[in-house]
Amino acid sequence: MSNTILITGAAGNLGGLLANYLKNRNLHLLIHKKDVNNELKNHPNIQIFRADLKNKATLHEPLKNVDTVVHFAGVLFKAKPEKFLPVTNTLFFNNLLDVAIEQKVKKIILISFPHVEGETTPQCPAKGRLDGNPNSVHAKTRLQEEKCLLEKCEKAGITAISLRTGMVYGKGILMPDAAEWFGKHYLLGVWKKPTYIHLISKDDFLSATTAAIDNPNVKGIYHIGDDGIQTLQQFLDGMAKYKHFHKAWRMPLWMIETAAQVFETFSSIFGVKSPLTKDFIKIGQISYYGDTSRMKAELLPDLKYKTFEDGLEIM
């Protein structure tokens, strides 16, 4: 029997990207409110399930006969993440794990990020530790997810994998596309303090994730990133030069925090998305860089784009 893959958050940005990449495989796509694109709906080997991670009863059918789960689902662009992330990133994920264990899933892959270890740099990269002390709610709750994944899967005899992924870039990826829009309207701003970021092209991200799905010998924590060393400011400036939009204004931090407060207040009052939150700023100011030696040894020995300068053509 061929490997059946469940992708949660399949209507989201990265979840949808992986679903399209694997569309010729046997897929179960888990969605909540938003729908997947029409191309995915018309594949005979793809089943689409509308479910709710807070309700275990809705998860049994999507997880039936599934071999591998790739978990993306979550809430991001909403005001006051400190109020909902401890639920969506922990309780909801626990529900998914419990039903996956009941349904005898063989492998569960969590898409995570290096921030869970706190501040890291190219000189002192994240190593796959679980004793980090991150300062943002996003990173704290994702670390709790990782711990829960590894603990429950070990007891159940299921392969657990956490892919701590750097910032994914490329055309159609939400954050770089948003930066381009703001830059073209002379609205893109960034704080002055240089902040290291680890990057990975969408092509290499998809290749690494697919290798984690297919390779029966991988397990544990992997940092997914390219060979480039750059700051957030250098990345934005490089994008601006290549795409011919205004480079990011260097702004005092209080101004960016004020903008986040305005966005969150508007989001709370009108129930719309908040493209910027105070916790985004908190996590964004922290340098992050991962040790990719395990990735290169077991998942992706050869990068298609070794640095973002090499990958500007896919922006």
C-alpha atoms as a PDB file:
ATOM      1  CA  MET A   1       0.000   0.000   0.000  1.00  0.00           C
ATOM      2  CA  SER A   2       1.362   3.415  -0.916  1.00  0.00           C
ATOM      3  CA  ASN A   3       2.079   5.950   1.784  1.00  0.00           C
ATOM      4  CA  THR A   4      -0.969   8.107   2.611  1.00  0.00           C
ATOM      5  CA  ILE A   5      -0.093  11.578   3.883  1.00  0.00           C
ATOM      6  CA  LEU A   6      -2.317  13.858   5.940  1.00  0.00           C
ATOM      7  CA  ILE A   7      -1.475  17.572   5.709  1.00  0.00           C
ATOM      8  CA  THR A   8      -3.106  19.766   8.335  1.00  0.00           C
ATOM      9  CA  GLY A   9      -3.582  23.419   7.471  1.00  0.00           C
ATOM     10  CA  ALA A  10      -3.677  22.392   3.813  1.00  0.00           C
ATOM     11  CA  ALA A  11      -5.475  25.603   2.849  1.00  0.00           C
ATOM     12  CA  GLY A  12      -2.786  27.737   4.480  1.00  0.00           C
ATOM     13  CA  ASN A  13       0.345  29.207   2.947  1.00  0.00           C
ATOM     14  CA  LEU A  14       2.987  26.525   3.539  1.00  0.00           C
ATOM     15  CA  GLY A  15       0.500  23.677   3.962  1.00  0.00           C
ATOM     16  CA  GLY A  16      -1.024  24.531   0.597  1.00  0.00           C
ATOM     17  CA  LEU A  17       2.432  24.768  -0.953  1.00  0.00           C
ATOM     18  CA  LEU A  18       3.267  21.216   0.182  1.00  0.00           C
ATOM     19  CA  ALA A  19      -0.142  19.908  -0.889  1.00  0.00           C
ATOM     20  CA  ASN A  20       0.389  21.240  -4.415  1.00  0.00           C
ATOM     21  CA  TYR A  21       3.912  19.822  -4.517  1.00  0.00           C
ATOM     22  CA  LEU A  22       2.680  16.347  -3.500  1.00  0.00           C
ATOM     23  CA  LYS A  23      -0.593  16.423  -5.435  1.00  0.00           C
ATOM     24  CA  ASN A  24       0.192  13.198  -7.316  1.00  0.00           C
ATOM     25  CA  ARG A  25       0.508  11.289  -4.045  1.00  0.00           C
ATOM     26  CA  ASN A  26      -2.265   9.826  -1.894  1.00  0.00           C
ATOM     27  CA  LEU A  27      -3.218  12.816   0.237  1.00  0.00           C
ATOM     28  CA  HIS A  28      -5.704  13.603   2.974  1.00  0.00           C
ATOM     29  CA  LEU A  29      -5.996  17.371   3.227  1.00  0.00           C
ATOM     30  CA  LEU A  30      -7.321  18.756   6.505  1.00  0.00           C
ATOM     31  CA  ILE A  31      -8.961  22.171   6.320  1.00  0.00           C
ATOM     32  CA  HIS A  32     -11.105  24.220   8.696  1.00  0.00           C
ATOM     33  CA  LYS A  33     -12.769  27.329   7.262  1.00  0.00           C
ATOM     34  CA  LYS A  34     -10.691  28.257   4.237  1.00  0.00           C
ATOM     35  CA  ASP A  35     -10.877  26.050   1.134  1.00  0.00           C
ATOM     36  CA  VAL A  36      -8.092  24.541  -0.985  1.00  0.00           C
ATOM     37  CA  ASN A  37      -7.616  25.538  -4.616  1.00  0.00           C
ATOM     38  CA  ASN A  38      -9.685  23.926  -7.365  1.00  0.00           C
ATOM     39  CA  GLU A  39      -6.751  21.980  -8.798  1.00  0.00           C
ATOM     40  CA  LEU A  40      -6.422  19.982  -5.593  1.00  0.00           C
ATOM     41  CA  LYS A  41     -10.164  19.304  -5.488  1.00  0.00           C
ATOM     42  CA  ASN A  42     -10.114  17.515  -8.839  1.00  0.00           C
ATOM     43  CA  HIS A  43      -7.440  14.917  -8.095  1.00  0.00           C
ATOM     44  CA  PRO A  44      -8.807  11.361  -7.642  1.00  0.00           C
ATOM     45  CA  ASN A  45      -6.006  10.511  -5.200  1.00  0.00           C
ATOM     46  CA  ILE A  46      -6.753  13.477  -2.905  1.00  0.00           C
ATOM     47  CA  GLN A  47      -9.408  13.474  -0.200  1.00  0.00           C
ATOM     48  CA  ILE A  48     -10.365  16.727   1.494  1.00  0.00           C
ATOM     49  CA  PHE A  49     -11.732  16.790   5.033  1.00  0.00           C
ATOM     50  CA  ARG A  50     -13.221  19.771   6.817  1.00  0.00           C
ATOM     51  CA  ALA A  51     -12.491  19.265  10.503  1.00  0.00           C
ATOM     52  CA  ASP A  52     -11.836  21.141  13.729  1.00  0.00           C
ATOM     53  CA  LEU A  53      -8.759  20.354  15.810  1.00  0.00           C
ATOM     54  CA  LYS A  54     -10.594  21.311  18.997  1.00  0.00           C
ATOM     55  CA  ASN A  55     -13.088  18.496  18.362  1.00  0.00           C
ATOM     56  CA  LYS A  56     -11.509  15.035  18.373  1.00  0.00           C
ATOM     57  CA  ALA A  57     -14.617  13.472  16.877  1.00  0.00           C
ATOM     58  CA  THR A  58     -13.959  15.294  13.587  1.00  0.00           C
ATOM     59  CA  LEU A  59     -10.415  13.907  13.303  1.00  0.00           C
ATOM     60  CA  HIS A  60     -11.032  10.153  13.172  1.00  0.00           C
ATOM     61  CA  GLU A  61     -12.148   9.985   9.547  1.00  0.00           C
ATOM     62  CA  PRO A  62      -9.322  12.202   8.155  1.00  0.00           C
ATOM     63  CA  LEU A  63      -6.714  10.110  10.018  1.00  0.00           C
ATOM     64  CA  LYS A  64      -8.101   6.748   8.933  1.00  0.00           C
ATOM     65  CA  ASN A  65      -5.490   4.691   7.009  1.00  0.00           C
ATOM     66  CA  VAL A  66      -2.967   7.556   7.190  1.00  0.00           C
ATOM     67  CA  ASP A  67       0.732   6.665   7.411  1.00  0.00           C
ATOM     68  CA  THR A  68       2.291  10.125   7.841  1.00  0.00           C
ATOM     69  CA  VAL A  69       0.982  13.392   9.276  1.00  0.00           C
ATOM     70  CA  VAL A  70       2.570  16.752   8.418  1.00  0.00           C
ATOM     71  CA  HIS A  71       1.283  19.404  10.803  1.00  0.00           C
ATOM     72  CA  PHE A  72       1.075  23.049   9.749  1.00  0.00           C
ATOM     73  CA  ALA A  73      -2.309  24.097  11.124  1.00  0.00           C
ATOM     74  CA  GLY A  74      -2.426  27.049  13.487  1.00  0.00           C
ATOM     75  CA  VAL A  75      -3.637  30.586  14.076  1.00  0.00           C
ATOM     76  CA  LEU A  76      -1.245  33.456  13.364  1.00  0.00           C
ATOM     77  CA  PHE A  77      -2.695  36.772  12.276  1.00  0.00           C
ATOM     78  CA  LYS A  78      -4.959  37.506  15.199  1.00  0.00           C
ATOM     79  CA  ALA A  79      -4.826  40.000  18.043  1.00  0.00           C
ATOM     80  CA  LYS A  80      -3.610  38.995  21.504  1.00  0.00           C
ATOM     81  CA  PRO A  81      -1.914  35.681  20.626  1.00  0.00           C
ATOM     82  CA  GLU A  82      -1.083  35.153  24.294  1.00  0.00           C
ATOM     83  CA  LYS A  83      -4.775  34.358  24.804  1.00  0.00           C
ATOM     84  CA  PHE A  84      -5.227  31.731  22.081  1.00  0.00           C
ATOM     85  CA  LEU A  85      -1.824  30.191  21.289  1.00  0.00           C
ATOM     86  CA  PRO A  86      -1.640  28.155  24.522  1.00  0.00           C
ATOM     87  CA  VAL A  87      -4.848  26.504  23.278  1.00  0.00           C
ATOM     88  CA  THR A  88      -4.275  26.244  19.519  1.00  0.00           C
ATOM     89  CA  ASN A  89      -0.598  25.262  19.756  1.00  0.00           C
ATOM     90  CA  THR A  90      -0.932  22.809  22.641  1.00  0.00           C
ATOM     91  CA  LEU A  91      -4.461  21.545  23.340  1.00  0.00           C
ATOM     92  CA  PHE A  92      -5.425  21.302  19.659  1.00  0.00           C
ATOM     93  CA  PHE A  93      -2.141  19.588  18.790  1.00  0.00           C
ATOM     94  CA  ASN A  94      -2.664  17.137  21.655  1.00  0.00           C
ATOM     95  CA  ASN A  95      -6.044  16.253  20.164  1.00  0.00           C
ATOM     96  CA  LEU A  96      -4.395  15.521  16.821  1.00  0.00           C
ATOM     97  CA  LEU A  97      -1.718  13.385  18.480  1.00  0.00           C
ATOM     98  CA  ASP A  98      -4.237  11.381  20.496  1.00  0.00           C
ATOM     99  CA  VAL A  99      -6.348  10.480  17.473  1.00  0.00           C
ATOM    100  CA  ALA A 100      -3.259   9.799  15.334  1.00  0.00           C
ATOM    101  CA  ILE A 101      -2.054   7.335  17.967  1.00  0.00           C
ATOM    102  CA  GLU A 102      -5.484   5.670  18.068  1.00  0.00           C
ATOM    103  CA  GLN A 103      -5.441   5.355  14.275  1.00  0.00           C
ATOM    104  CA  LYS A 104      -1.924   3.845  14.351  1.00  0.00           C
ATOM    105  CA  VAL A 105      -0.242   6.540  12.271  1.00  0.00           C
ATOM    106  CA  LYS A 106       3.417   5.658  11.697  1.00  0.00           C
ATOM    107  CA  LYS A 107       5.078   9.090  11.472  1.00  0.00           C
ATOM    108  CA  ILE A 108       4.221  12.624  12.615  1.00  0.00           C
ATOM    109  CA  ILE A 109       6.114  15.656  11.320  1.00  0.00           C
ATOM    110  CA  LEU A 110       5.751  19.020  13.061  1.00  0.00           C
ATOM    111  CA  ILE A 111       6.780  22.155  11.172  1.00  0.00           C
ATOM    112  CA  SER A 112       8.533  24.246  13.825  1.00  0.00           C
ATOM    113  CA  PHE A 113      11.176  26.996  13.864  1.00  0.00           C
ATOM    114  CA  PRO A 114      14.611  27.701  15.451  1.00  0.00           C
ATOM    115  CA  HIS A 115      13.222  30.404  17.773  1.00  0.00           C
ATOM    116  CA  VAL A 116      12.220  27.701  20.277  1.00  0.00           C
ATOM    117  CA  GLU A 117      15.821  27.658  21.551  1.00  0.00           C
ATOM    118  CA  GLY A 118      15.815  31.407  22.203  1.00  0.00           C
ATOM    119  CA  GLU A 119      18.348  33.697  20.562  1.00  0.00           C
ATOM    120  CA  THR A 120      20.866  31.910  18.333  1.00  0.00           C
ATOM    121  CA  THR A 121      23.414  33.134  15.783  1.00  0.00           C
ATOM    122  CA  PRO A 122      25.641  31.705  13.030  1.00  0.00           C
ATOM    123  CA  GLN A 123      28.448  31.688  15.596  1.00  0.00           C
ATOM    124  CA  CYS A 124      26.269  29.900  18.171  1.00  0.00           C
ATOM    125  CA  PRO A 125      23.521  28.108  16.252  1.00  0.00           C
ATOM    126  CA  ALA A 126      20.534  26.185  17.567  1.00  0.00           C
ATOM    127  CA  LYS A 127      21.464  22.533  18.053  1.00  0.00           C
ATOM    128  CA  GLY A 128      18.123  20.789  18.517  1.00  0.00           C
ATOM    129  CA  ARG A 129      17.845  21.350  22.249  1.00  0.00           C
ATOM    130  CA  LEU A 130      14.588  21.282  24.199  1.00  0.00           C
ATOM    131  CA  ASP A 131      15.703  23.362  27.185  1.00  0.00           C
ATOM    132  CA  GLY A 132      15.494  26.755  25.485  1.00  0.00           C
ATOM    133  CA  ASN A 133      13.878  29.771  27.118  1.00  0.00           C
ATOM    134  CA  PRO A 134      12.255  31.773  24.284  1.00  0.00           C
ATOM    135  CA  ASN A 135      10.672  35.117  25.073  1.00  0.00           C
ATOM    136  CA  SER A 136       7.685  35.106  22.680  1.00  0.00           C
ATOM    137  CA  VAL A 137       4.387  33.273  23.094  1.00  0.00           C
ATOM    138  CA  HIS A 138       4.696  31.845  19.581  1.00  0.00           C
ATOM    139  CA  ALA A 139       8.029  30.223  20.389  1.00  0.00           C
ATOM    140  CA  LYS A 140       7.106  29.105  23.917  1.00  0.00           C
ATOM    141  CA  THR A 141       3.992  27.293  22.779  1.00  0.00           C
ATOM    142  CA  ARG A 142       5.741  25.724  19.781  1.00  0.00           C
ATOM    143  CA  LEU A 143       8.415  24.382  22.132  1.00  0.00           C
ATOM    144  CA  GLN A 144       5.632  22.839  24.225  1.00  0.00           C
ATOM    145  CA  GLU A 145       4.294  21.246  21.026  1.00  0.00           C
ATOM    146  CA  GLU A 146       7.700  19.742  20.275  1.00  0.00           C
ATOM    147  CA  LYS A 147       8.041  18.277  23.755  1.00  0.00           C
ATOM    148  CA  CYS A 148       4.554  16.813  23.597  1.00  0.00           C
ATOM    149  CA  LEU A 149       5.218  15.328  20.158  1.00  0.00           C
ATOM    150  CA  LEU A 150       8.444  13.628  21.176  1.00  0.00           C
ATOM    151  CA  GLU A 151       7.100  12.337  24.481  1.00  0.00           C
ATOM    152  CA  LYS A 152       3.810  10.928  23.201  1.00  0.00           C
ATOM    153  CA  CYS A 153       5.277   9.416  20.057  1.00  0.00           C
ATOM    154  CA  GLU A 154       8.068   7.706  21.966  1.00  0.00           C
ATOM    155  CA  LYS A 155       5.531   6.033  24.262  1.00  0.00           C
ATOM    156  CA  ALA A 156       3.381   5.001  21.296  1.00  0.00           C
ATOM    157  CA  GLY A 157       6.243   3.776  19.116  1.00  0.00           C
ATOM    158  CA  ILE A 158       5.593   6.394  16.435  1.00  0.00           C
ATOM    159  CA  THR A 159       8.353   8.212  14.547  1.00  0.00           C
ATOM    160  CA  ALA A 160       8.385  11.879  15.603  1.00  0.00           C
ATOM    161  CA  ILE A 161      10.102  14.579  13.547  1.00  0.00           C
ATOM    162  CA  SER A 162      10.348  18.306  14.163  1.00  0.00           C
ATOM    163  CA  LEU A 163      11.521  20.386  11.214  1.00  0.00           C
ATOM    164  CA  ARG A 164      12.785  23.652  12.694  1.00  0.00           C
ATOM    165  CA  THR A 165      12.519  25.696   9.542  1.00  0.00           C
ATOM    166  CA  GLY A 166      14.098  29.067   8.881  1.00  0.00           C
ATOM    167  CA  MET A 167      12.202  31.787   7.004  1.00  0.00           C
ATOM    168  CA  VAL A 168      10.913  30.315   3.763  1.00  0.00           C
ATOM    169  CA  TYR A 169      11.177  32.667   0.785  1.00  0.00           C
ATOM    170  CA  GLY A 170       9.934  32.613  -2.788  1.00  0.00           C
ATOM    171  CA  LYS A 171       7.029  33.830  -4.892  1.00  0.00           C
ATOM    172  CA  GLY A 172       3.716  33.120  -3.186  1.00  0.00           C
ATOM    173  CA  ILE A 173       5.170  32.944   0.321  1.00  0.00           C
ATOM    174  CA  LEU A 174       3.215  35.233   2.598  1.00  0.00           C
ATOM    175  CA  MET A 175       5.900  37.187   4.459  1.00  0.00           C
ATOM    176  CA  PRO A 176       8.199  38.089   1.520  1.00  0.00           C
ATOM    177  CA  ASP A 177       5.154  38.911  -0.619  1.00  0.00           C
ATOM    178  CA  ALA A 178       3.845  41.209   2.119  1.00  0.00           C
ATOM    179  CA  ALA A 179       7.257  42.889   2.400  1.00  0.00           C
ATOM    180  CA  GLU A 180       7.216  43.498  -1.358  1.00  0.00           C
ATOM    181  CA  TRP A 181       3.724  45.044  -1.218  1.00  0.00           C
ATOM    182  CA  PHE A 182       4.675  47.364   1.635  1.00  0.00           C
ATOM    183  CA  GLY A 183       7.948  48.267  -0.108  1.00  0.00           C
ATOM    184  CA  LYS A 184       6.208  49.163  -3.351  1.00  0.00           C
ATOM    185  CA  HIS A 185       3.945  51.485  -1.379  1.00  0.00           C
ATOM    186  CA  TYR A 186       6.866  53.035   0.539  1.00  0.00           C
ATOM    187  CA  LEU A 187       5.507  51.581   3.799  1.00  0.00           C
ATOM    188  CA  LEU A 188       8.071  48.894   4.601  1.00  0.00           C
ATOM    189  CA  GLY A 189       9.907  49.511   7.865  1.00  0.00           C
ATOM    190  CA  VAL A 190      12.289  47.563  10.086  1.00  0.00           C
ATOM    191  CA  TRP A 191      14.047  48.202  13.382  1.00  0.00           C
ATOM    192  CA  LYS A 192      17.652  49.411  13.347  1.00  0.00           C
ATOM    193  CA  LYS A 193      19.240  46.617  15.388  1.00  0.00           C
ATOM    194  CA  PRO A 194      20.806  43.996  13.036  1.00  0.00           C
ATOM    195  CA  THR A 195      18.965  40.689  13.439  1.00  0.00           C
ATOM    196  CA  TYR A 196      20.337  37.424  12.030  1.00  0.00           C
ATOM    197  CA  ILE A 197      17.819  35.246  10.207  1.00  0.00           C
ATOM    198  CA  HIS A 198      18.202  31.782   8.720  1.00  0.00           C
ATOM    199  CA  LEU A 199      16.609  31.428   5.295  1.00  0.00           C
ATOM    200  CA  ILE A 200      15.522  28.544   3.079  1.00  0.00           C
ATOM    201  CA  SER A 201      14.089  28.700  -0.434  1.00  0.00           C
ATOM    202  CA  LYS A 202      10.622  27.233  -0.940  1.00  0.00           C
ATOM    203  CA  ASP A 203      12.129  24.682  -3.349  1.00  0.00           C
ATOM    204  CA  ASP A 204      14.604  23.416  -0.775  1.00  0.00           C
ATOM    205  CA  PHE A 205      11.983  23.501   1.988  1.00  0.00           C
ATOM    206  CA  LEU A 206       9.726  21.247  -0.085  1.00  0.00           C
ATOM    207  CA  SER A 207      12.600  18.877  -0.885  1.00  0.00           C
ATOM    208  CA  ALA A 208      13.633  18.602   2.760  1.00  0.00           C
ATOM    209  CA  THR A 209      10.063  18.032   3.951  1.00  0.00           C
ATOM    210  CA  THR A 210       9.467  15.389   1.293  1.00  0.00           C
ATOM    211  CA  ALA A 211      12.669  13.623   2.334  1.00  0.00           C
ATOM    212  CA  ALA A 212      11.423  13.605   5.940  1.00  0.00           C
ATOM    213  CA  ILE A 213       8.193  11.994   4.735  1.00  0.00           C
ATOM    214  CA  ASP A 214       9.887   9.357   2.576  1.00  0.00           C
ATOM    215  CA  ASN A 215      13.027   8.423   4.510  1.00  0.00           C
ATOM    216  CA  PRO A 216      12.190   5.649   7.017  1.00  0.00           C
ATOM    217  CA  ASN A 217      15.328   6.284   9.055  1.00  0.00           C
ATOM    218  CA  VAL A 218      14.881   9.923  10.053  1.00  0.00           C
ATOM    219  CA  LYS A 219      13.581  10.952  13.469  1.00  0.00           C
ATOM    220  CA  GLY A 220      14.023  13.752  15.983  1.00  0.00           C
ATOM    221  CA  ILE A 221      14.845  17.405  15.407  1.00  0.00           C
ATOM    222  CA  TYR A 222      16.253  18.858  12.184  1.00  0.00           C
ATOM    223  CA  HIS A 223      17.139  22.463  11.416  1.00  0.00           C
ATOM    224  CA  ILE A 224      16.132  23.402   7.874  1.00  0.00           C
ATOM    225  CA  GLY A 225      18.111  26.285   6.379  1.00  0.00           C
ATOM    226  CA  ASP A 226      20.543  27.280   3.654  1.00  0.00           C
ATOM    227  CA  ASP A 227      24.240  28.210   3.789  1.00  0.00           C
ATOM    228  CA  GLY A 228      23.752  31.978   3.736  1.00  0.00           C
ATOM    229  CA  ILE A 229      24.573  34.281   6.625  1.00  0.00           C
ATOM    230  CA  GLN A 230      22.649  37.531   6.639  1.00  0.00           C
ATOM    231  CA  THR A 231      20.532  39.821   8.758  1.00  0.00           C
ATOM    232  CA  LEU A 232      16.855  40.577   8.288  1.00  0.00           C
ATOM    233  CA  GLN A 233      17.855  44.055   7.163  1.00  0.00           C
ATOM    234  CA  GLN A 234      20.240  42.686   4.514  1.00  0.00           C
ATOM    235  CA  PHE A 235      17.577  40.291   3.230  1.00  0.00           C
ATOM    236  CA  LEU A 236      14.979  43.045   2.887  1.00  0.00           C
ATOM    237  CA  ASP A 237      17.491  45.358   1.199  1.00  0.00           C
ATOM    238  CA  GLY A 238      18.508  42.588  -1.216  1.00  0.00           C
ATOM    239  CA  MET A 239      14.870  41.944  -2.086  1.00  0.00           C
ATOM    240  CA  ALA A 240      14.222  45.660  -2.599  1.00  0.00           C
ATOM    241  CA  LYS A 241      17.163  46.034  -4.959  1.00  0.00           C
ATOM    242  CA  TYR A 242      16.249  42.970  -7.020  1.00  0.00           C
ATOM    243  CA  LYS A 243      12.494  43.688  -7.149  1.00  0.00           C
ATOM    244  CA  HIS A 244      12.934  47.451  -7.602  1.00  0.00           C
ATOM    245  CA  PHE A 245      10.962  48.698  -4.639  1.00  0.00           C
ATOM    246  CA  HIS A 246      11.883  51.113  -1.871  1.00  0.00           C
ATOM    247  CA  LYS A 247      14.222  49.603   0.728  1.00  0.00           C
ATOM    248  CA  ALA A 248      12.914  49.259   4.262  1.00  0.00           C
ATOM    249  CA  TRP A 249      12.942  52.407   6.338  1.00  0.00           C
ATOM    250  CA  ARG A 250      15.044  52.054   9.508  1.00  0.00           C
ATOM    251  CA  MET A 251      12.564  52.974  12.207  1.00  0.00           C
ATOM    252  CA  PRO A 252      12.691  53.344  15.990  1.00  0.00           C
ATOM    253  CA  LEU A 253      11.248  50.336  17.744  1.00  0.00           C
ATOM    254  CA  TRP A 254       8.516  52.315  19.498  1.00  0.00           C
ATOM    255  CA  MET A 255       7.065  53.302  16.135  1.00  0.00           C
ATOM    256  CA  ILE A 256       6.791  49.681  14.978  1.00  0.00           C
ATOM    257  CA  GLU A 257       5.303  48.635  18.330  1.00  0.00           C
ATOM    258  CA  THR A 258       2.746  51.427  18.043  1.00  0.00           C
ATOM    259  CA  ALA A 259       1.752  50.175  14.591  1.00  0.00           C
ATOM    260  CA  ALA A 260       1.339  46.663  16.014  1.00  0.00           C
ATOM    261  CA  GLN A 261      -0.881  48.005  18.778  1.00  0.00           C
ATOM    262  CA  VAL A 262      -3.058  49.780  16.214  1.00  0.00           C
ATOM    263  CA  PHE A 263      -3.367  46.632  14.096  1.00  0.00           C
ATOM    264  CA  GLU A 264      -4.256  44.496  17.133  1.00  0.00           C
ATOM    265  CA  THR A 265      -6.852  46.984  18.361  1.00  0.00           C
ATOM    266  CA  PHE A 266      -8.457  47.131  14.903  1.00  0.00           C
ATOM    267  CA  SER A 267      -8.406  43.322  14.722  1.00  0.00           C
ATOM    268  CA  SER A 268     -10.076  42.984  18.127  1.00  0.00           C
ATOM    269  CA  ILE A 269     -12.833  45.474  17.348  1.00  0.00           C
ATOM    270  CA  PHE A 270     -13.701  44.338  13.829  1.00  0.00           C
ATOM    271  CA  GLY A 271     -12.741  40.654  13.969  1.00  0.00           C
ATOM    272  CA  VAL A 272     -10.315  40.844  11.048  1.00  0.00           C
ATOM    273  CA  LYS A 273      -6.742  39.593  10.678  1.00  0.00           C
ATOM    274  CA  SER A 274      -3.896  41.485  12.307  1.00  0.00           C
ATOM    275  CA  PRO A 275      -0.865  41.480   9.945  1.00  0.00           C
ATOM    276  CA  LEU A 276       1.345  42.674  12.796  1.00  0.00           C
ATOM    277  CA  THR A 277       1.211  41.905  16.528  1.00  0.00           C
ATOM    278  CA  LYS A 278       3.402  42.817  19.478  1.00  0.00           C
ATOM    279  CA  ASP A 279       4.426  39.181  19.817  1.00  0.00           C
ATOM    280  CA  PHE A 280       5.497  39.126  16.150  1.00  0.00           C
ATOM    281  CA  ILE A 281       7.805  42.032  16.918  1.00  0.00           C
ATOM    282  CA  LYS A 282       9.119  40.283  20.012  1.00  0.00           C
ATOM    283  CA  ILE A 283       9.957  37.107  18.118  1.00  0.00           C
ATOM    284  CA  GLY A 284      11.162  39.073  15.086  1.00  0.00           C
ATOM    285  CA  GLN A 285      13.836  40.934  17.024  1.00  0.00           C
ATOM    286  CA  ILE A 286      15.488  37.696  18.121  1.00  0.00           C
ATOM    287  CA  SER A 287      18.293  36.415  15.913  1.00  0.00           C
ATOM    288  CA  TYR A 288      17.878  32.795  14.892  1.00  0.00           C
ATOM    289  CA  TYR A 289      20.150  30.383  13.084  1.00  0.00           C
ATOM    290  CA  GLY A 290      20.212  26.588  13.123  1.00  0.00           C
ATOM    291  CA  ASP A 291      22.873  23.910  12.771  1.00  0.00           C
ATOM    292  CA  THR A 292      21.905  22.176   9.514  1.00  0.00           C
ATOM    293  CA  SER A 293      24.389  19.292   9.731  1.00  0.00           C
ATOM    294  CA  ARG A 294      21.641  16.693  10.349  1.00  0.00           C
ATOM    295  CA  MET A 295      19.590  18.073   7.478  1.00  0.00           C
ATOM    296  CA  LYS A 296      22.527  17.750   5.093  1.00  0.00           C
ATOM    297  CA  ALA A 297      23.443  14.275   6.312  1.00  0.00           C
ATOM    298  CA  GLU A 298      19.965  12.750   6.286  1.00  0.00           C
ATOM    299  CA  LEU A 299      17.517  14.936   4.325  1.00  0.00           C
ATOM    300  CA  LEU A 300      19.028  17.363   1.843  1.00  0.00           C
ATOM    301  CA  PRO A 301      22.740  16.979   1.058  1.00  0.00           C
ATOM    302  CA  ASP A 302      22.595  19.375  -1.889  1.00  0.00           C
ATOM    303  CA  LEU A 303      20.746  22.689  -1.749  1.00  0.00           C
ATOM    304  CA  LYS A 304      19.230  24.067  -4.934  1.00  0.00           C
ATOM    305  CA  TYR A 305      19.810  27.614  -3.644  1.00  0.00           C
ATOM    306  CA  LYS A 306      22.699  27.898  -1.202  1.00  0.00           C
ATOM    307  CA  THR A 307      21.979  31.559  -0.352  1.00  0.00           C
ATOM    308  CA  PHE A 308      19.083  33.933  -0.858  1.00  0.00           C
ATOM    309  CA  GLU A 309      21.173  35.823  -3.432  1.00  0.00           C
ATOM    310  CA  ASP A 310      21.188  32.616  -5.484  1.00  0.00           C
ATOM    311  CA  GLY A 311      17.423  32.273  -4.996  1.00  0.00           C
ATOM    312  CA  LEU A 312      16.334  35.795  -5.897  1.00  0.00           C
ATOM    313  CA  GLU A 313      15.159  34.451  -9.252  1.00  0.00           C
ATOM    314  CA  ILE A 314      12.256  32.654  -7.562  1.00  0.00           C
ATOM    315  CA  MET A 315      11.070  35.730  -5.657  1.00  0.00           C
END
